[in-house]
Amino acid sequence: MKICIYSFFFFFFNKKNIAFILTT
């Protein structure tokens, strides 16, 4: 279960990171 939450957080953070890089 913890791995699932970790994966979700990583995916969400990655999406935000990609959006930030694209905007910059």
N, C-alpha and C. Protein backbone atom coordinates (compact mmCIF):
# COMPACT_ATOMS: atom_id res chain seq x y z
N MET A 1 0.84 -1.20 0.00
CA MET A 1 0.00 0.00 0.00
C MET A 1 0.88 1.25 0.00
N LYS A 2 1.93 1.22 0.79
CA LYS A 2 2.82 2.38 0.84
C LYS A 2 3.43 2.64 -0.54
N ILE A 3 3.80 1.55 -1.23
CA ILE A 3 4.40 1.70 -2.56
C ILE A 3 3.40 2.37 -3.50
N CYS A 4 2.13 2.02 -3.36
CA CYS A 4 1.09 2.60 -4.23
C CYS A 4 1.03 4.11 -4.01
N ILE A 5 1.03 4.51 -2.76
CA ILE A 5 0.97 5.95 -2.44
C ILE A 5 2.24 6.63 -2.96
N TYR A 6 3.37 5.97 -2.79
CA TYR A 6 4.64 6.54 -3.27
C TYR A 6 4.58 6.75 -4.77
N SER A 7 4.06 5.75 -5.47
CA SER A 7 3.96 5.83 -6.94
C SER A 7 3.06 7.00 -7.33
N PHE A 8 1.94 7.15 -6.63
CA PHE A 8 1.01 8.23 -6.95
C PHE A 8 1.68 9.58 -6.73
N PHE A 9 2.38 9.71 -5.59
CA PHE A 9 3.06 10.98 -5.30
C PHE A 9 4.13 11.25 -6.34
N PHE A 10 4.89 10.23 -6.70
CA PHE A 10 5.95 10.40 -7.69
C PHE A 10 5.37 10.82 -9.03
N PHE A 11 4.26 10.19 -9.41
CA PHE A 11 3.62 10.52 -10.69
C PHE A 11 3.11 11.97 -10.66
N PHE A 12 2.45 12.35 -9.55
CA PHE A 12 1.92 13.70 -9.44
C PHE A 12 3.05 14.72 -9.47
N PHE A 13 4.12 14.45 -8.72
CA PHE A 13 5.26 15.37 -8.68
C PHE A 13 5.92 15.46 -10.05
N ASN A 14 6.01 14.33 -10.72
CA ASN A 14 6.62 14.31 -12.05
C ASN A 14 5.81 15.17 -13.02
N LYS A 15 4.49 15.05 -12.96
CA LYS A 15 3.63 15.84 -13.84
C LYS A 15 3.85 17.33 -13.58
N LYS A 16 3.87 17.72 -12.31
CA LYS A 16 4.09 19.12 -11.96
C LYS A 16 5.46 19.56 -12.45
N ASN A 17 6.46 18.70 -12.27
CA ASN A 17 7.82 19.03 -12.68
C ASN A 17 7.88 19.24 -14.19
N ILE A 18 7.24 18.35 -14.95
CA ILE A 18 7.25 18.46 -16.41
C ILE A 18 6.57 19.76 -16.83
N ALA A 19 5.44 20.07 -16.18
CA ALA A 19 4.72 21.30 -16.51
C ALA A 19 5.61 22.51 -16.22
N PHE A 20 6.32 22.46 -15.11
CA PHE A 20 7.20 23.58 -14.74
C PHE A 20 8.31 23.74 -15.77
N ILE A 21 8.90 22.62 -16.19
CA ILE A 21 9.98 22.68 -17.18
C ILE A 21 9.45 23.22 -18.51
N LEU A 22 8.25 22.79 -18.88
CA LEU A 22 7.68 23.24 -20.15
C LEU A 22 7.36 24.72 -20.11
N THR A 23 6.90 25.19 -18.94
CA THR A 23 6.56 26.61 -18.81
C THR A 23 7.82 27.46 -18.80
N THR A 24 8.89 26.96 -18.21
CA THR A 24 10.12 27.75 -18.10
C THR A 24 10.79 27.89 -19.46
